[in-house]
Amino acid sequence: MLDTDLFTPRPTLTSPNLLARALHAFGKDAPSQEDVWHRLTQSFTVDLDAVAALLPPREPEPAWLEARG
């Protein structure tokens, strides 16, 4: 069954300035980057590539080599 929220119209953010302001506002209280994405996409229709370009890149977890004994 489709989520009925998909059919609810949302405001569209297309301006990079407005998108950056929205990301800043959502990022203040969000515990993680995933939560920022969720809050933004629940509130607005956005270009996901534009959002990804504005968010800082995630650093990969370092792969530590086992110590030789």
Protein backbone atom coordinates (compact mmCIF):
# COMPACT_ATOMS: atom_id res chain seq x y z
CA MET A 1 0.00 0.00 0.00
CA LEU A 2 1.33 3.44 -0.88
CA ASP A 3 1.89 5.99 1.81
CA THR A 4 -0.81 8.67 1.50
CA ASP A 5 1.79 11.28 2.46
CA LEU A 6 3.31 10.87 -1.02
CA PHE A 7 0.33 12.64 -2.48
CA THR A 8 0.38 15.59 -0.07
CA PRO A 9 1.81 18.62 -1.85
CA ARG A 10 4.98 20.01 -0.29
CA PRO A 11 6.74 23.30 -0.95
CA THR A 12 9.58 23.00 -3.44
CA LEU A 13 13.04 24.34 -2.64
CA THR A 14 14.99 25.08 -5.80
CA SER A 15 17.10 28.06 -4.77
CA PRO A 16 20.53 27.05 -3.40
CA ASN A 17 20.33 29.89 -0.86
CA LEU A 18 16.97 28.77 0.52
CA LEU A 19 18.09 25.16 0.49
CA ALA A 20 21.21 26.06 2.49
CA ARG A 21 19.10 27.99 5.01
CA ALA A 22 16.73 25.03 5.42
CA LEU A 23 19.66 22.65 5.90
CA HIS A 24 21.14 24.94 8.52
CA ALA A 25 17.82 25.18 10.36
CA PHE A 26 17.22 21.42 10.33
CA GLY A 27 20.84 20.69 11.21
CA LYS A 28 20.69 22.61 14.49
CA ASP A 29 18.55 19.99 16.25
CA ALA A 30 19.28 16.89 14.18
CA PRO A 31 21.45 14.26 15.87
CA SER A 32 22.74 12.87 12.56
CA GLN A 33 23.05 13.66 8.88
CA GLU A 34 20.44 11.00 8.12
CA ASP A 35 17.98 12.84 10.35
CA VAL A 36 18.64 16.08 8.45
CA TRP A 37 17.86 14.27 5.16
CA HIS A 38 14.67 12.80 6.65
CA ARG A 39 13.40 16.10 8.05
CA LEU A 40 14.19 17.97 4.85
CA THR A 41 12.52 15.46 2.53
CA GLN A 42 9.47 15.18 4.79
CA SER A 43 8.99 18.95 4.72
CA PHE A 44 10.00 19.91 1.17
CA THR A 45 10.41 18.62 -2.34
CA VAL A 46 14.09 19.09 -3.15
CA ASP A 47 16.74 18.18 -5.68
CA LEU A 48 18.67 15.49 -3.79
CA ASP A 49 21.86 16.15 -5.78
CA ALA A 50 21.74 19.81 -4.74
CA VAL A 51 21.31 18.77 -1.10
CA ALA A 52 24.22 16.33 -1.33
CA ALA A 53 26.42 19.08 -2.78
CA LEU A 54 25.67 21.33 0.22
CA LEU A 55 26.16 18.73 2.96
CA PRO A 56 29.69 17.93 4.09
CA PRO A 57 30.95 14.61 2.73
CA ARG A 58 30.98 11.69 5.13
CA GLU A 59 34.43 10.43 5.92
CA PRO A 60 34.76 6.67 5.62
CA GLU A 61 35.56 4.72 8.73
CA PRO A 62 39.30 3.94 8.77
CA ALA A 63 40.22 0.33 8.18
CA TRP A 64 42.78 -0.52 10.83
CA LEU A 65 45.21 -3.32 10.21
CA GLU A 66 45.60 -5.91 12.92
CA ALA A 67 48.83 -5.61 14.90
CA ARG A 68 51.37 -8.28 14.14
CA GLY A 69 52.66 -10.08 17.17
